[in-house]
């Protein structure tokens, strides 16, 4: 079963500023790439990549994955434009509308939509919290296998980033997942680890997690 979930991210002010700055950089880069593609009449992804890939990374501070997204965004936009021209959707040959569409390069708004790769952004927190939220939802739905996969992935990211709060919340959810599945020993290990993390964060026992750990038998 494939589960599609709409997730709303709630980044911190610092994360929101970083995302906005990256979005503007991506679209500025796309506008520059579009102008070059239009001038040189290079519209295929592979050919365009040879001209602009390195400069996108150097001039706009984008990671490799983001730079490739920029190139694909531009080539897809021109593919759509050229298909519309062939289909007569931008006017007949010689019409003012058609000539205008052919005369100028495509321009991308600063806030135009852009797919984000969390690792490419260099800030994995949003991705980790999204996976954690999806895993929690799958726990509620009873889809334990996929829930465990999402939660374990988010846990690795939190540990990699040193985010103890995110790690504690994810470990606790994993403990509750294993407890609901009857894996009491594994559940106890996760819940005990969550308790330790909570104590480190708060300087004392977390009663909710502690109670959960004590309730696990076996």
N, C-alpha and C. Protein backbone atom coordinates (compact mmCIF):
# COMPACT_ATOMS: atom_id res chain seq x y z
N UNK A 1 0.84 -1.19 0.00
CA UNK A 1 0.00 0.00 0.00
C UNK A 1 0.87 1.24 0.00
N UNK A 2 0.58 2.19 -0.87
CA UNK A 2 1.31 3.44 -0.93
C UNK A 2 0.51 4.50 -0.20
N UNK A 3 1.15 5.15 0.75
CA UNK A 3 0.47 6.15 1.58
C UNK A 3 0.99 7.53 1.20
N UNK A 4 0.09 8.42 0.79
CA UNK A 4 0.44 9.80 0.45
C UNK A 4 -0.08 10.70 1.55
N UNK A 5 0.82 11.45 2.16
CA UNK A 5 0.46 12.30 3.28
C UNK A 5 0.90 13.73 3.00
N UNK A 6 0.01 14.67 3.24
CA UNK A 6 0.37 16.08 3.12
C UNK A 6 0.93 16.54 4.47
N UNK A 7 2.16 17.01 4.45
CA UNK A 7 2.85 17.39 5.68
C UNK A 7 3.14 18.88 5.66
N UNK A 8 2.85 19.54 6.75
CA UNK A 8 3.18 20.95 6.88
C UNK A 8 4.40 21.08 7.78
N UNK A 9 5.47 21.62 7.23
CA UNK A 9 6.68 21.79 8.01
C UNK A 9 6.60 23.08 8.82
N UNK A 10 7.10 23.05 10.04
CA UNK A 10 7.12 24.22 10.90
C UNK A 10 8.58 24.51 11.28
N UNK A 11 9.33 25.11 10.37
CA UNK A 11 10.75 25.37 10.65
C UNK A 11 10.92 26.49 11.66
N UNK A 12 12.05 26.51 12.29
CA UNK A 12 12.39 27.62 13.18
C UNK A 12 12.63 28.86 12.30
N UNK A 13 12.65 30.06 12.90
CA UNK A 13 12.93 31.27 12.10
C UNK A 13 14.24 31.17 11.32
N UNK A 14 15.26 30.57 11.93
CA UNK A 14 16.55 30.43 11.25
C UNK A 14 16.43 29.48 10.06
N UNK A 15 15.72 28.36 10.26
CA UNK A 15 15.54 27.40 9.18
C UNK A 15 14.69 27.99 8.06
N UNK A 16 13.66 28.75 8.43
CA UNK A 16 12.80 29.39 7.43
C UNK A 16 13.59 30.38 6.59
N UNK A 17 14.46 31.14 7.23
CA UNK A 17 15.30 32.10 6.50
C UNK A 17 16.24 31.39 5.54
N UNK A 18 16.80 30.26 6.01
CA UNK A 18 17.70 29.49 5.15
C UNK A 18 16.96 28.91 3.95
N UNK A 19 15.76 28.40 4.18
CA UNK A 19 14.96 27.84 3.09
C UNK A 19 14.60 28.92 2.08
N UNK A 20 14.21 30.10 2.58
CA UNK A 20 13.84 31.19 1.68
C UNK A 20 15.04 31.67 0.86
N UNK A 21 16.18 31.79 1.52
CA UNK A 21 17.38 32.21 0.81
C UNK A 21 17.77 31.20 -0.26
N UNK A 22 17.64 29.92 0.06
CA UNK A 22 17.96 28.87 -0.91
C UNK A 22 16.98 28.90 -2.08
N UNK A 23 15.70 29.09 -1.78
CA UNK A 23 14.68 29.16 -2.84
C UNK A 23 14.99 30.31 -3.79
N UNK A 24 15.32 31.49 -3.24
CA UNK A 24 15.64 32.64 -4.09
C UNK A 24 16.90 32.37 -4.91
N UNK A 25 17.90 31.73 -4.30
CA UNK A 25 19.13 31.42 -5.03
C UNK A 25 18.85 30.45 -6.18
N UNK A 26 18.02 29.46 -5.92
CA UNK A 26 17.67 28.47 -6.95
C UNK A 26 16.99 29.15 -8.13
N UNK A 27 16.04 30.03 -7.85
CA UNK A 27 15.31 30.67 -8.94
C UNK A 27 16.13 31.74 -9.66
N UNK A 28 17.02 32.41 -8.93
CA UNK A 28 17.95 33.33 -9.59
C UNK A 28 18.86 32.55 -10.54
N UNK A 29 19.34 31.39 -10.07
CA UNK A 29 20.19 30.56 -10.91
C UNK A 29 19.43 30.06 -12.13
N UNK A 30 18.17 29.67 -11.93
CA UNK A 30 17.35 29.17 -13.04
C UNK A 30 17.14 30.25 -14.10
N UNK A 31 16.93 31.49 -13.66
CA UNK A 31 16.75 32.59 -14.61
C UNK A 31 18.03 32.82 -15.41
N UNK A 32 19.18 32.75 -14.73
CA UNK A 32 20.45 32.90 -15.45
C UNK A 32 20.68 31.76 -16.43
N UNK A 33 20.43 30.53 -16.00
CA UNK A 33 20.58 29.37 -16.88
C UNK A 33 19.63 29.47 -18.07
N UNK A 34 18.42 29.93 -17.81
CA UNK A 34 17.43 30.09 -18.88
C UNK A 34 17.90 31.08 -19.94
N UNK A 35 18.48 32.19 -19.49
CA UNK A 35 18.98 33.19 -20.44
C UNK A 35 20.11 32.61 -21.30
N UNK A 36 21.01 31.85 -20.66
CA UNK A 36 22.11 31.25 -21.41
C UNK A 36 21.59 30.20 -22.39
N UNK A 37 20.64 29.38 -21.94
CA UNK A 37 20.07 28.36 -22.81
C UNK A 37 19.38 28.99 -24.02
N UNK A 38 18.66 30.07 -23.78
CA UNK A 38 17.95 30.76 -24.86
C UNK A 38 18.93 31.38 -25.84
N UNK A 39 19.99 31.98 -25.31
CA UNK A 39 20.98 32.65 -26.17
C UNK A 39 21.74 31.64 -27.03
N UNK A 40 22.12 30.51 -26.42
CA UNK A 40 22.92 29.52 -27.15
C UNK A 40 22.08 28.44 -27.81
N UNK A 41 20.78 28.49 -27.58
CA UNK A 41 19.85 27.49 -28.15
C UNK A 41 20.23 26.08 -27.70
N UNK A 42 20.50 25.95 -26.41
CA UNK A 42 20.84 24.66 -25.81
C UNK A 42 19.73 24.32 -24.82
N UNK A 43 18.93 23.31 -25.12
CA UNK A 43 17.76 23.03 -24.31
C UNK A 43 17.71 21.60 -23.75
N UNK A 44 18.69 20.77 -24.10
CA UNK A 44 18.72 19.41 -23.56
C UNK A 44 19.51 19.40 -22.26
N UNK A 45 19.04 18.59 -21.31
CA UNK A 45 19.62 18.57 -19.98
C UNK A 45 21.12 18.30 -20.01
N UNK A 46 21.52 17.25 -20.70
CA UNK A 46 22.93 16.86 -20.70
C UNK A 46 23.80 17.95 -21.31
N UNK A 47 23.35 18.51 -22.44
CA UNK A 47 24.14 19.55 -23.11
C UNK A 47 24.23 20.81 -22.26
N UNK A 48 23.11 21.19 -21.66
CA UNK A 48 23.10 22.40 -20.84
C UNK A 48 23.96 22.23 -19.60
N UNK A 49 23.95 21.04 -19.05
CA UNK A 49 24.74 20.77 -17.85
C UNK A 49 26.22 21.04 -18.09
N UNK A 50 26.71 20.73 -19.25
CA UNK A 50 28.13 20.96 -19.57
C UNK A 50 28.49 22.45 -19.53
N UNK A 51 27.51 23.31 -19.79
CA UNK A 51 27.76 24.74 -19.84
C UNK A 51 27.63 25.42 -18.48
N UNK A 52 26.75 24.90 -17.62
CA UNK A 52 26.36 25.71 -16.45
C UNK A 52 26.55 25.05 -15.09
N UNK A 53 26.76 23.75 -15.04
CA UNK A 53 26.74 23.05 -13.75
C UNK A 53 27.74 23.64 -12.75
N UNK A 54 28.96 23.76 -13.16
CA UNK A 54 29.98 24.28 -12.24
C UNK A 54 29.72 25.71 -11.81
N UNK A 55 29.25 26.54 -12.73
CA UNK A 55 28.99 27.94 -12.40
C UNK A 55 27.80 28.09 -11.45
N UNK A 56 26.81 27.23 -11.57
CA UNK A 56 25.68 27.27 -10.63
C UNK A 56 26.18 27.04 -9.22
N UNK A 57 27.02 26.05 -9.04
CA UNK A 57 27.55 25.73 -7.72
C UNK A 57 28.43 26.86 -7.19
N UNK A 58 29.29 27.39 -8.06
CA UNK A 58 30.25 28.40 -7.62
C UNK A 58 29.60 29.76 -7.39
N UNK A 59 28.72 30.16 -8.30
CA UNK A 59 28.17 31.52 -8.26
C UNK A 59 26.96 31.67 -7.35
N UNK A 60 26.24 30.56 -7.11
CA UNK A 60 25.00 30.66 -6.33
C UNK A 60 25.06 29.87 -5.03
N UNK A 61 26.19 29.23 -4.77
CA UNK A 61 26.37 28.53 -3.51
C UNK A 61 25.45 27.34 -3.31
N UNK A 62 25.06 26.69 -4.40
CA UNK A 62 24.14 25.56 -4.32
C UNK A 62 24.89 24.24 -4.35
N UNK A 63 24.35 23.26 -3.64
CA UNK A 63 24.94 21.92 -3.62
C UNK A 63 24.69 21.22 -4.95
N UNK A 64 25.33 20.07 -5.13
CA UNK A 64 25.26 19.36 -6.40
C UNK A 64 23.82 19.00 -6.78
N UNK A 65 23.06 18.46 -5.81
CA UNK A 65 21.70 18.05 -6.11
C UNK A 65 20.83 19.24 -6.50
N UNK A 66 20.99 20.35 -5.77
CA UNK A 66 20.22 21.55 -6.09
C UNK A 66 20.58 22.09 -7.46
N UNK A 67 21.86 22.04 -7.81
CA UNK A 67 22.29 22.51 -9.12
C UNK A 67 21.65 21.68 -10.23
N UNK A 68 21.56 20.39 -10.04
CA UNK A 68 20.91 19.54 -11.04
C UNK A 68 19.41 19.82 -11.13
N UNK A 69 18.80 20.13 -9.98
CA UNK A 69 17.39 20.50 -9.99
C UNK A 69 17.17 21.77 -10.81
N UNK A 70 18.09 22.71 -10.69
CA UNK A 70 17.98 23.96 -11.45
C UNK A 70 18.00 23.68 -12.95
N UNK A 71 18.95 22.87 -13.39
CA UNK A 71 19.07 22.56 -14.82
C UNK A 71 17.82 21.85 -15.33
N UNK A 72 17.33 20.89 -14.56
CA UNK A 72 16.12 20.17 -14.95
C UNK A 72 14.91 21.10 -14.99
N UNK A 73 14.84 22.01 -14.04
CA UNK A 73 13.74 22.97 -14.01
C UNK A 73 13.70 23.79 -15.30
N UNK A 74 14.87 24.23 -15.74
CA UNK A 74 14.95 25.05 -16.95
C UNK A 74 14.61 24.22 -18.19
N UNK A 75 15.22 23.04 -18.31
CA UNK A 75 14.95 22.23 -19.51
C UNK A 75 13.50 21.78 -19.57
N UNK A 76 12.89 21.49 -18.43
CA UNK A 76 11.48 21.12 -18.41
C UNK A 76 10.60 22.29 -18.84
N UNK A 77 10.96 23.49 -18.39
CA UNK A 77 10.17 24.67 -18.75
C UNK A 77 10.23 24.93 -20.25
N UNK A 78 11.41 24.79 -20.85
CA UNK A 78 11.52 24.99 -22.29
C UNK A 78 10.86 23.87 -23.07
N UNK A 79 10.92 22.65 -22.55
CA UNK A 79 10.23 21.54 -23.22
C UNK A 79 8.73 21.80 -23.26
N UNK A 80 8.18 22.31 -22.17
CA UNK A 80 6.75 22.64 -22.14
C UNK A 80 6.43 23.77 -23.10
N UNK A 81 7.27 24.82 -23.11
CA UNK A 81 7.06 25.95 -24.01
C UNK A 81 7.09 25.50 -25.47
N UNK A 82 8.08 24.72 -25.83
CA UNK A 82 8.21 24.28 -27.22
C UNK A 82 7.06 23.35 -27.62
N UNK A 83 6.59 22.53 -26.69
CA UNK A 83 5.44 21.67 -26.99
C UNK A 83 4.20 22.51 -27.21
N UNK A 84 4.03 23.54 -26.40
CA UNK A 84 2.87 24.43 -26.57
C UNK A 84 2.93 25.18 -27.89
N UNK A 85 4.14 25.55 -28.31
CA UNK A 85 4.30 26.23 -29.60
C UNK A 85 3.94 25.29 -30.74
N UNK A 86 4.43 24.05 -30.66
CA UNK A 86 4.12 23.07 -31.72
C UNK A 86 2.62 22.79 -31.80
N UNK A 87 1.96 22.80 -30.65
CA UNK A 87 0.52 22.51 -30.62
C UNK A 87 -0.35 23.72 -30.92
N UNK A 88 0.30 24.86 -31.18
CA UNK A 88 -0.47 26.06 -31.51
C UNK A 88 -1.12 26.74 -30.33
N UNK A 89 -0.65 26.44 -29.13
CA UNK A 89 -1.29 27.01 -27.94
C UNK A 89 -0.80 28.41 -27.60
N UNK A 90 0.21 28.89 -28.31
CA UNK A 90 0.69 30.26 -28.07
C UNK A 90 0.55 31.09 -29.35
N UNK A 91 -0.41 30.74 -30.15
CA UNK A 91 -0.68 31.52 -31.36
C UNK A 91 -0.15 30.86 -32.62
N UNK A 92 -0.64 31.35 -33.76
CA UNK A 92 -0.22 30.84 -35.06
C UNK A 92 1.15 31.38 -35.44
N UNK A 93 1.83 30.71 -36.38
CA UNK A 93 3.12 31.22 -36.84
C UNK A 93 3.01 32.66 -37.32
N UNK A 94 3.92 33.51 -36.84
CA UNK A 94 3.92 34.91 -37.22
C UNK A 94 3.08 35.80 -36.32
N UNK A 95 2.29 35.22 -35.42
CA UNK A 95 1.45 36.03 -34.53
C UNK A 95 2.32 36.74 -33.50
N UNK A 96 1.82 37.86 -32.99
CA UNK A 96 2.57 38.63 -32.00
C UNK A 96 2.82 37.80 -30.74
N UNK A 97 1.81 37.07 -30.31
CA UNK A 97 1.95 36.28 -29.10
C UNK A 97 3.02 35.21 -29.25
N UNK A 98 3.04 34.56 -30.39
CA UNK A 98 4.03 33.50 -30.63
C UNK A 98 5.44 34.07 -30.70
N UNK A 99 5.58 35.19 -31.43
CA UNK A 99 6.89 35.80 -31.56
C UNK A 99 7.41 36.31 -30.22
N UNK A 100 6.50 36.81 -29.39
CA UNK A 100 6.91 37.28 -28.06
C UNK A 100 7.42 36.12 -27.22
N UNK A 101 6.73 34.98 -27.32
CA UNK A 101 7.14 33.80 -26.55
C UNK A 101 8.50 33.28 -26.99
N UNK A 102 8.80 33.43 -28.28
CA UNK A 102 10.07 32.94 -28.81
C UNK A 102 11.21 33.93 -28.59
N UNK A 103 10.88 35.20 -28.41
CA UNK A 103 11.91 36.24 -28.39
C UNK A 103 12.65 36.35 -27.07
N UNK A 104 11.99 36.03 -25.97
CA UNK A 104 12.58 36.25 -24.66
C UNK A 104 12.79 34.94 -23.90
N UNK A 105 13.84 34.89 -23.09
CA UNK A 105 14.06 33.69 -22.26
C UNK A 105 13.02 33.61 -21.15
N UNK A 106 12.79 32.42 -20.66
CA UNK A 106 11.88 32.22 -19.54
C UNK A 106 12.51 32.80 -18.28
N UNK A 107 11.68 33.47 -17.48
CA UNK A 107 12.14 34.07 -16.23
C UNK A 107 11.40 33.38 -15.08
N UNK A 108 12.11 33.10 -14.00
CA UNK A 108 11.53 32.42 -12.84
C UNK A 108 11.39 33.40 -11.69
N UNK A 109 10.21 33.44 -11.10
CA UNK A 109 9.97 34.31 -9.95
C UNK A 109 10.84 33.88 -8.77
N UNK A 110 11.24 34.81 -7.90
CA UNK A 110 12.08 34.44 -6.75
C UNK A 110 11.43 33.38 -5.85
N UNK A 111 10.10 33.42 -5.74
CA UNK A 111 9.41 32.46 -4.89
C UNK A 111 8.77 31.31 -5.63
N UNK A 112 9.18 31.08 -6.89
CA UNK A 112 8.60 29.99 -7.67
C UNK A 112 8.89 28.64 -7.01
N UNK A 113 7.94 27.71 -7.13
CA UNK A 113 8.05 26.40 -6.48
C UNK A 113 9.31 25.67 -6.92
N UNK A 114 9.88 24.93 -6.00
CA UNK A 114 11.11 24.19 -6.27
C UNK A 114 11.17 22.97 -5.38
N UNK A 115 11.41 21.77 -5.96
CA UNK A 115 11.60 20.59 -5.10
C UNK A 115 12.88 20.71 -4.32
N UNK A 116 12.82 20.37 -3.03
CA UNK A 116 13.99 20.46 -2.17
C UNK A 116 14.46 19.06 -1.82
N UNK A 117 15.77 18.88 -1.87
CA UNK A 117 16.40 17.68 -1.36
C UNK A 117 17.07 18.07 -0.06
N UNK A 118 16.64 17.49 1.06
CA UNK A 118 17.11 17.95 2.36
C UNK A 118 18.61 17.82 2.52
N UNK A 119 19.19 16.74 1.99
CA UNK A 119 20.63 16.61 2.10
C UNK A 119 21.33 17.64 1.23
N UNK A 120 20.71 17.94 0.07
CA UNK A 120 21.28 18.95 -0.79
C UNK A 120 21.27 20.32 -0.16
N UNK A 121 20.31 20.60 0.68
CA UNK A 121 20.24 21.88 1.36
C UNK A 121 21.28 22.00 2.46
N UNK A 122 21.79 20.86 2.91
CA UNK A 122 22.75 20.91 3.98
C UNK A 122 22.09 21.05 5.34
N UNK A 123 20.77 21.02 5.42
CA UNK A 123 20.05 21.11 6.69
C UNK A 123 19.01 19.99 6.68
N UNK A 124 19.27 18.96 7.45
CA UNK A 124 18.43 17.77 7.40
C UNK A 124 17.29 17.81 8.40
N UNK A 125 17.22 18.85 9.22
CA UNK A 125 16.21 18.86 10.27
C UNK A 125 14.80 18.73 9.73
N UNK A 126 14.49 19.49 8.68
CA UNK A 126 13.13 19.45 8.14
C UNK A 126 12.78 18.04 7.65
N UNK A 127 13.73 17.41 6.96
CA UNK A 127 13.49 16.06 6.48
C UNK A 127 13.31 15.08 7.61
N UNK A 128 14.13 15.22 8.66
CA UNK A 128 14.04 14.31 9.79
C UNK A 128 12.70 14.44 10.50
N UNK A 129 12.26 15.68 10.72
CA UNK A 129 10.99 15.88 11.39
C UNK A 129 9.81 15.44 10.52
N UNK A 130 9.94 15.61 9.20
CA UNK A 130 8.88 15.14 8.31
C UNK A 130 8.76 13.62 8.36
N UNK A 131 9.90 12.92 8.34
CA UNK A 131 9.88 11.46 8.43
C UNK A 131 9.38 11.00 9.79
N UNK A 132 9.77 11.73 10.83
CA UNK A 132 9.29 11.39 12.17
C UNK A 132 7.78 11.52 12.26
N UNK A 133 7.24 12.61 11.70
CA UNK A 133 5.79 12.82 11.72
C UNK A 133 5.06 11.77 10.90
N UNK A 134 5.62 11.42 9.74
CA UNK A 134 5.00 10.39 8.90
C UNK A 134 5.04 9.04 9.61
N UNK A 135 6.16 8.75 10.27
CA UNK A 135 6.26 7.50 11.01
C UNK A 135 5.24 7.42 12.13
N UNK A 136 5.05 8.54 12.84
CA UNK A 136 4.04 8.58 13.90
C UNK A 136 2.64 8.35 13.36
N UNK A 137 2.36 8.93 12.20
CA UNK A 137 1.04 8.73 11.58
C UNK A 137 0.84 7.28 11.19
N UNK A 138 1.89 6.65 10.67
CA UNK A 138 1.79 5.25 10.27
C UNK A 138 1.63 4.34 11.48
N UNK A 139 2.18 4.74 12.63
CA UNK A 139 1.95 3.99 13.86
C UNK A 139 0.47 3.99 14.20
N UNK A 140 -0.13 5.17 14.11
CA UNK A 140 -1.56 5.30 14.41
C UNK A 140 -2.41 4.47 13.45
N UNK A 141 -1.99 4.42 12.19
CA UNK A 141 -2.73 3.67 11.18
C UNK A 141 -2.48 2.16 11.27
N UNK A 142 -1.53 1.76 12.09
CA UNK A 142 -1.24 0.34 12.24
C UNK A 142 -0.27 -0.20 11.21
N UNK A 143 0.35 0.69 10.43
CA UNK A 143 1.32 0.25 9.42
C UNK A 143 2.71 0.22 10.06
N UNK A 144 2.95 -0.82 10.88
CA UNK A 144 4.16 -0.85 11.71
C UNK A 144 5.45 -0.96 10.90
N UNK A 145 5.42 -1.70 9.80
CA UNK A 145 6.63 -1.91 9.02
C UNK A 145 7.14 -0.59 8.45
N UNK A 146 6.25 0.15 7.77
CA UNK A 146 6.67 1.42 7.19
C UNK A 146 6.97 2.45 8.28
N UNK A 147 6.22 2.39 9.36
CA UNK A 147 6.46 3.32 10.47
C UNK A 147 7.86 3.13 11.02
N UNK A 148 8.25 1.88 11.23
CA UNK A 148 9.57 1.58 11.76
C UNK A 148 10.66 2.09 10.83
N UNK A 149 10.47 1.92 9.52
CA UNK A 149 11.46 2.36 8.54
C UNK A 149 11.62 3.88 8.58
N UNK A 150 10.50 4.61 8.60
CA UNK A 150 10.56 6.07 8.63
C UNK A 150 11.21 6.57 9.92
N UNK A 151 10.83 5.96 11.03
CA UNK A 151 11.36 6.39 12.32
C UNK A 151 12.85 6.09 12.46
N UNK A 152 13.27 4.93 11.98
CA UNK A 152 14.69 4.59 12.06
C UNK A 152 15.52 5.54 11.19
N UNK A 153 14.99 5.91 10.03
CA UNK A 153 15.70 6.85 9.16
C UNK A 153 15.82 8.22 9.82
N UNK A 154 14.72 8.68 10.41
CA UNK A 154 14.77 9.98 11.08
C UNK A 154 15.71 9.93 12.29
N UNK A 155 15.73 8.79 12.99
CA UNK A 155 16.60 8.64 14.15
C UNK A 155 18.07 8.77 13.74
N UNK A 156 18.46 8.14 12.63
CA UNK A 156 19.84 8.23 12.17
C UNK A 156 20.22 9.68 11.87
N UNK A 157 19.29 10.43 11.29
CA UNK A 157 19.59 11.83 10.97
C UNK A 157 19.73 12.65 12.25
N UNK A 158 18.81 12.46 13.21
CA UNK A 158 18.91 13.19 14.47
C UNK A 158 20.22 12.89 15.18
N UNK A 159 20.63 11.63 15.16
CA UNK A 159 21.89 11.26 15.80
C UNK A 159 23.07 11.86 15.06
N UNK A 160 23.00 11.88 13.76
CA UNK A 160 24.07 12.47 12.95
C UNK A 160 24.21 13.96 13.22
N UNK A 161 23.06 14.64 13.43
CA UNK A 161 23.07 16.07 13.67
C UNK A 161 23.32 16.43 15.13
N UNK A 162 23.26 15.43 16.00
CA UNK A 162 23.40 15.71 17.42
C UNK A 162 22.17 16.35 18.02
N UNK A 163 21.02 16.15 17.42
CA UNK A 163 19.75 16.70 17.92
C UNK A 163 19.19 15.74 18.95
N UNK A 164 19.50 15.97 20.22
CA UNK A 164 19.10 15.05 21.28
C UNK A 164 17.59 15.06 21.51
N UNK A 165 16.97 16.22 21.34
CA UNK A 165 15.52 16.30 21.54
C UNK A 165 14.78 15.49 20.48
N UNK A 166 15.17 15.65 19.22
CA UNK A 166 14.56 14.87 18.15
C UNK A 166 14.83 13.39 18.31
N UNK A 167 16.06 13.06 18.74
CA UNK A 167 16.41 11.67 18.98
C UNK A 167 15.54 11.06 20.07
N UNK A 168 15.34 11.81 21.17
CA UNK A 168 14.55 11.29 22.29
C UNK A 168 13.11 11.03 21.87
N UNK A 169 12.52 11.97 21.15
CA UNK A 169 11.13 11.82 20.72
C UNK A 169 10.97 10.63 19.78
N UNK A 170 11.94 10.44 18.89
CA UNK A 170 11.86 9.34 17.93
C UNK A 170 12.07 8.00 18.61
N UNK A 171 13.03 7.94 19.53
CA UNK A 171 13.28 6.71 20.28
C UNK A 171 12.05 6.31 21.09
N UNK A 172 11.39 7.30 21.70
CA UNK A 172 10.19 7.00 22.47
C UNK A 172 9.09 6.43 21.57
N UNK A 173 8.90 7.04 20.40
CA UNK A 173 7.88 6.55 19.47
C UNK A 173 8.20 5.13 19.01
N UNK A 174 9.48 4.86 18.78
CA UNK A 174 9.88 3.50 18.40
C UNK A 174 9.60 2.52 19.54
N UNK A 175 9.84 2.94 20.76
CA UNK A 175 9.53 2.07 21.90
C UNK A 175 8.06 1.75 21.99
N UNK A 176 7.23 2.78 21.77
CA UNK A 176 5.78 2.56 21.81
C UNK A 176 5.33 1.68 20.65
N UNK A 177 5.99 1.84 19.49
CA UNK A 177 5.68 1.00 18.34
C UNK A 177 5.96 -0.46 18.65
N UNK A 178 7.13 -0.75 19.20
CA UNK A 178 7.50 -2.13 19.49
C UNK A 178 6.64 -2.70 20.63
N UNK A 179 6.25 -1.86 21.57
CA UNK A 179 5.38 -2.34 22.63
C UNK A 179 4.01 -2.75 22.07
N UNK A 180 3.49 -1.95 21.14
CA UNK A 180 2.19 -2.28 20.54
C UNK A 180 2.25 -3.55 19.71
N UNK A 181 3.47 -3.88 19.23
CA UNK A 181 3.65 -5.08 18.42
C UNK A 181 3.98 -6.30 19.27
N UNK A 182 4.06 -6.12 20.62
CA UNK A 182 4.35 -7.23 21.51
C UNK A 182 5.82 -7.55 21.65
N UNK A 183 6.68 -6.68 21.11
CA UNK A 183 8.14 -6.92 21.23
C UNK A 183 8.62 -6.22 22.50
N UNK A 184 8.32 -6.82 23.64
CA UNK A 184 8.49 -6.14 24.92
C UNK A 184 9.95 -5.85 25.26
N UNK A 185 10.85 -6.79 24.98
CA UNK A 185 12.26 -6.54 25.32
C UNK A 185 12.81 -5.38 24.50
N UNK A 186 12.53 -5.38 23.22
CA UNK A 186 12.99 -4.30 22.35
C UNK A 186 12.35 -2.98 22.76
N UNK A 187 11.06 -3.04 23.08
CA UNK A 187 10.36 -1.83 23.52
C UNK A 187 10.99 -1.26 24.78
N UNK A 188 11.32 -2.15 25.73
CA UNK A 188 11.92 -1.70 26.98
C UNK A 188 13.26 -1.01 26.73
N UNK A 189 14.06 -1.56 25.82
CA UNK A 189 15.35 -0.96 25.51
C UNK A 189 15.19 0.45 24.94
N UNK A 190 14.25 0.60 23.99
CA UNK A 190 14.03 1.92 23.39
C UNK A 190 13.51 2.91 24.43
N UNK A 191 12.53 2.49 25.22
CA UNK A 191 11.94 3.40 26.20
C UNK A 191 12.94 3.78 27.29
N UNK A 192 13.79 2.84 27.66
CA UNK A 192 14.82 3.17 28.64
C UNK A 192 15.80 4.19 28.06
N UNK A 193 16.15 4.00 26.80
CA UNK A 193 17.06 4.95 26.15
C UNK A 193 16.41 6.33 26.05
N UNK A 194 15.11 6.35 25.76
CA UNK A 194 14.39 7.63 25.70
C UNK A 194 14.41 8.31 27.06
N UNK A 195 14.25 7.53 28.11
CA UNK A 195 14.28 8.07 29.47
C UNK A 195 15.63 8.70 29.78
N UNK A 196 16.70 8.01 29.39
CA UNK A 196 18.04 8.54 29.62
C UNK A 196 18.24 9.86 28.89
N UNK A 197 17.78 9.91 27.64
CA UNK A 197 17.92 11.13 26.85
C UNK A 197 17.12 12.28 27.46
N UNK A 198 15.90 11.98 27.91
CA UNK A 198 15.06 13.01 28.53
C UNK A 198 15.72 13.55 29.80
N UNK A 199 16.31 12.67 30.58
CA UNK A 199 16.98 13.11 31.81
C UNK A 199 18.16 14.02 31.49
N UNK A 200 18.89 13.67 30.43
CA UNK A 200 20.02 14.51 30.03
C UNK A 200 19.54 15.90 29.60
N UNK A 201 18.42 15.93 28.89
CA UNK A 201 17.90 17.19 28.36
C UNK A 201 17.28 18.06 29.45
N UNK A 202 16.61 17.43 30.40
CA UNK A 202 15.84 18.19 31.39
C UNK A 202 16.46 18.20 32.78
N UNK A 203 17.53 17.45 32.93
CA UNK A 203 18.18 17.42 34.22
C UNK A 203 17.42 16.64 35.26
N UNK A 204 16.52 15.76 34.83
CA UNK A 204 15.74 14.97 35.77
C UNK A 204 14.91 13.96 35.04
N UNK A 205 14.14 13.19 35.76
CA UNK A 205 13.35 12.12 35.15
C UNK A 205 12.19 12.70 34.38
N UNK A 206 11.93 12.12 33.23
CA UNK A 206 10.73 12.43 32.47
C UNK A 206 9.67 11.42 32.87
N UNK A 207 8.67 11.87 33.60
CA UNK A 207 7.70 10.94 34.20
C UNK A 207 6.92 10.16 33.16
N UNK A 208 6.58 10.84 32.05
CA UNK A 208 5.77 10.16 31.04
C UNK A 208 6.52 9.01 30.42
N UNK A 209 7.78 9.25 30.04
CA UNK A 209 8.57 8.18 29.43
C UNK A 209 8.91 7.14 30.48
N UNK A 210 9.24 7.59 31.71
CA UNK A 210 9.57 6.64 32.76
C UNK A 210 8.43 5.70 33.05
N UNK A 211 7.22 6.25 33.08
CA UNK A 211 6.06 5.39 33.31
C UNK A 211 5.90 4.39 32.19
N UNK A 212 6.16 4.83 30.94
CA UNK A 212 6.05 3.92 29.79
C UNK A 212 7.05 2.80 29.91
N UNK A 213 8.27 3.14 30.32
CA UNK A 213 9.29 2.10 30.45
C UNK A 213 8.95 1.11 31.54
N UNK A 214 8.40 1.59 32.67
CA UNK A 214 8.05 0.70 33.77
C UNK A 214 6.89 -0.19 33.41
N UNK A 215 6.03 0.28 32.48
CA UNK A 215 4.84 -0.50 32.14
C UNK A 215 5.18 -1.67 31.24
N UNK A 216 6.37 -1.67 30.62
CA UNK A 216 6.74 -2.75 29.70
C UNK A 216 7.21 -3.93 30.54
N UNK A 217 6.67 -5.08 30.29
CA UNK A 217 7.03 -6.30 31.02
C UNK A 217 7.59 -7.33 30.03
N UNK A 218 8.39 -8.23 30.53
CA UNK A 218 8.87 -9.33 29.71
C UNK A 218 10.38 -9.32 29.61
